[in-house]
Protein backbone atom coordinates (compact mmCIF):
# COMPACT_ATOMS: atom_id res chain seq x y z
CA MET A 1 21.00 -43.07 -133.03
CA ALA A 2 23.80 -43.43 -135.58
CA ALA A 3 26.60 -44.32 -133.15
CA VAL A 4 27.16 -44.99 -129.47
CA THR A 5 30.42 -44.30 -127.66
CA GLN A 6 31.76 -47.20 -125.63
CA VAL A 7 32.45 -46.08 -122.05
CA THR A 8 34.33 -49.07 -120.58
CA GLN A 9 35.12 -52.66 -121.42
CA GLY A 10 36.14 -54.93 -118.61
CA GLY A 11 37.24 -52.26 -116.16
CA PRO A 12 38.49 -51.24 -113.76
CA LYS A 13 36.51 -48.06 -113.40
CA SER A 14 37.48 -45.15 -111.15
CA PHE A 15 35.12 -43.61 -108.59
CA ILE A 16 35.32 -40.92 -105.90
CA PRO A 17 35.04 -42.49 -102.43
CA ALA A 18 32.49 -41.31 -99.86
CA GLU A 19 34.78 -42.63 -97.08
CA VAL A 20 38.11 -44.41 -96.62
CA ILE A 21 38.24 -47.54 -98.79
CA LEU A 22 41.07 -50.08 -98.76
CA GLY A 23 42.14 -52.16 -101.73
CA GLY A 24 40.47 -55.57 -101.55
CA GLN A 25 37.23 -54.32 -99.99
CA LEU A 26 33.87 -54.83 -101.64
CA VAL A 27 32.39 -51.45 -102.60
CA GLU A 28 28.82 -50.27 -103.21
CA ALA A 29 27.19 -47.33 -104.94
CA ARG A 30 26.36 -44.38 -102.69
CA THR A 31 24.48 -41.13 -103.21
CA GLY A 32 26.03 -38.42 -105.32
CA GLY A 33 27.76 -40.92 -107.61
CA ARG A 34 30.30 -41.95 -104.98
CA VAL A 35 31.28 -45.36 -103.60
CA GLY A 36 31.73 -46.70 -100.09
CA VAL A 37 32.57 -49.92 -98.28
CA ALA A 38 29.78 -52.43 -98.94
CA THR A 39 27.39 -53.09 -96.08
CA ALA A 40 25.88 -56.46 -95.16
CA ASP A 41 23.32 -57.72 -97.69
CA SER A 42 23.95 -54.78 -100.01
CA VAL A 43 22.23 -54.98 -103.38
CA LYS A 44 24.28 -52.06 -104.75
CA VAL A 45 27.71 -53.76 -104.86
CA LEU A 46 29.76 -52.53 -107.82
CA GLY A 47 32.87 -54.67 -107.34
CA VAL A 48 36.15 -54.86 -105.44
CA ALA A 49 38.45 -51.89 -104.79
CA LEU A 50 41.85 -52.42 -106.38
CA THR A 51 43.40 -49.38 -104.70
CA ASP A 52 43.10 -47.42 -101.46
CA GLY A 53 41.25 -44.13 -101.49
CA GLN A 54 39.58 -41.50 -99.33
CA SER A 55 36.97 -38.81 -99.89
CA PRO A 56 38.37 -35.49 -101.13
CA GLU A 57 36.89 -33.77 -98.06
CA THR A 58 39.08 -35.79 -95.68
CA ALA A 59 42.33 -35.44 -97.65
CA GLN A 60 44.99 -33.84 -95.46
CA GLY A 61 47.10 -32.35 -98.17
CA GLY A 62 50.08 -34.48 -97.22
CA THR A 63 51.42 -32.41 -94.29
CA THR A 64 51.30 -33.46 -90.64
CA VAL A 65 53.48 -32.90 -87.58
CA ASP A 66 55.56 -35.32 -85.52
CA ALA A 67 55.39 -35.81 -81.72
CA ILE A 68 57.25 -32.54 -81.03
CA GLY A 69 55.50 -30.37 -83.59
CA ARG A 70 57.94 -30.53 -86.52
CA PRO A 71 56.23 -30.71 -89.92
CA ILE A 72 56.35 -34.01 -91.77
CA ILE A 73 55.82 -33.84 -95.50
CA ASN A 74 54.02 -36.84 -96.93
CA ALA A 75 54.97 -37.22 -100.58
CA MET A 76 52.36 -39.95 -101.08
CA PRO A 77 48.96 -38.81 -99.72
CA ILE A 78 46.05 -41.25 -99.96
CA PRO A 79 44.38 -40.85 -103.38
CA THR A 80 40.90 -39.34 -103.67
CA VAL A 81 39.90 -41.78 -106.41
CA VAL A 82 39.57 -45.57 -106.12
CA SER A 83 39.76 -48.14 -108.94
CA VAL A 84 37.03 -50.78 -108.84
CA ALA A 85 37.14 -54.17 -110.60
CA TYR A 86 33.72 -55.44 -111.65
CA ALA A 87 31.65 -58.06 -113.53
CA GLY A 88 33.68 -61.05 -114.63
CA THR A 89 36.94 -59.89 -113.06
CA GLU A 90 38.72 -62.31 -110.73
CA THR A 91 40.50 -60.72 -107.78
CA LYS A 92 41.17 -61.20 -104.07
CA VAL A 93 38.83 -60.22 -101.23
CA THR A 94 38.52 -61.01 -97.51
CA TYR A 95 36.00 -63.66 -96.52
CA SER A 96 34.11 -63.19 -93.24
CA ALA A 97 33.16 -66.89 -93.14
CA ALA A 98 34.62 -70.05 -94.65
CA ALA A 99 33.59 -70.75 -98.24
CA THR A 100 34.19 -73.64 -100.61
CA PHE A 101 35.18 -73.57 -104.27
CA GLY A 102 32.12 -72.61 -106.35
CA ASP A 103 30.05 -71.11 -103.51
CA LYS A 104 27.90 -68.12 -104.45
CA LEU A 105 28.86 -65.11 -102.32
CA VAL A 106 27.08 -62.15 -100.71
CA SER A 107 28.26 -58.98 -99.02
CA THR A 108 28.60 -59.53 -95.26
CA GLY A 109 29.60 -55.99 -94.28
CA SER A 110 32.92 -54.17 -93.78
CA GLY A 111 33.76 -54.87 -97.43
CA LYS A 112 33.90 -58.65 -96.91
CA VAL A 113 32.06 -61.58 -98.50
CA GLY A 114 30.63 -64.86 -97.28
CA PRO A 115 28.66 -67.82 -98.62
CA ALA A 116 25.18 -66.92 -99.81
CA PRO A 117 22.27 -68.29 -97.77
CA VAL A 118 19.91 -70.57 -99.70
CA ASP A 119 17.26 -67.83 -99.81
CA ALA A 120 19.60 -65.16 -101.26
CA THR A 121 18.17 -63.25 -104.20
CA ALA A 122 20.01 -62.75 -107.47
CA ALA A 123 20.46 -59.07 -106.55
CA GLU A 124 22.34 -60.09 -103.37
CA ILE A 125 24.85 -62.41 -105.12
CA VAL A 126 28.10 -60.50 -105.64
CA GLY A 127 30.29 -63.29 -106.99
CA ILE A 128 31.56 -66.85 -106.88
CA CYS A 129 34.40 -68.31 -104.79
CA THR A 130 37.10 -69.31 -107.30
CA GLN A 131 39.76 -70.31 -104.75
CA PRO A 132 40.31 -74.01 -105.66
CA GLN A 133 40.88 -75.18 -102.07
CA GLY A 134 38.23 -72.84 -100.62
CA VAL A 135 38.82 -70.00 -98.15
CA ALA A 136 38.87 -70.01 -94.35
CA ALA A 137 37.00 -67.44 -92.27
CA ASN A 138 38.81 -64.07 -92.09
CA ALA A 139 41.23 -65.13 -94.84
CA VAL A 140 41.85 -63.61 -98.27
CA GLY A 141 40.81 -65.60 -101.32
CA LEU A 142 39.73 -65.32 -104.94
CA ILE A 143 36.33 -64.12 -106.11
CA ARG A 144 34.95 -63.84 -109.64
CA ILE A 145 32.75 -60.78 -109.42
CA ALA A 146 29.18 -61.22 -110.65
């Protein structure tokens, strides 16, 4: 092969969501090349969503009605593409349990992270807590994505 085209360097990378994803949630690979909110103990975590997104099938086209039936035009519908930060990127994510600076992290479901158990495999580690003072349970803190 004489030359190879570089696809990405450092990210983020855009994906089509399989469901509603909110910025700051951990996302995993799903079938059909789509992404979804990471489940507990996922070994398919790609990174952290930087933007909100929804599947194209659930997009409403930006028009709804108010309580008495008058149309409301939404000039800013939810995008059908989500940007995902990955490997080596430092960003914010919600922690399901308290973590200390330097803790290895795993997916704990609902797009959140928590400290890795001692028996966690390398495939389960999604990042490292880089919040200098640590992070309390159900708080937002820094992660360097693995």
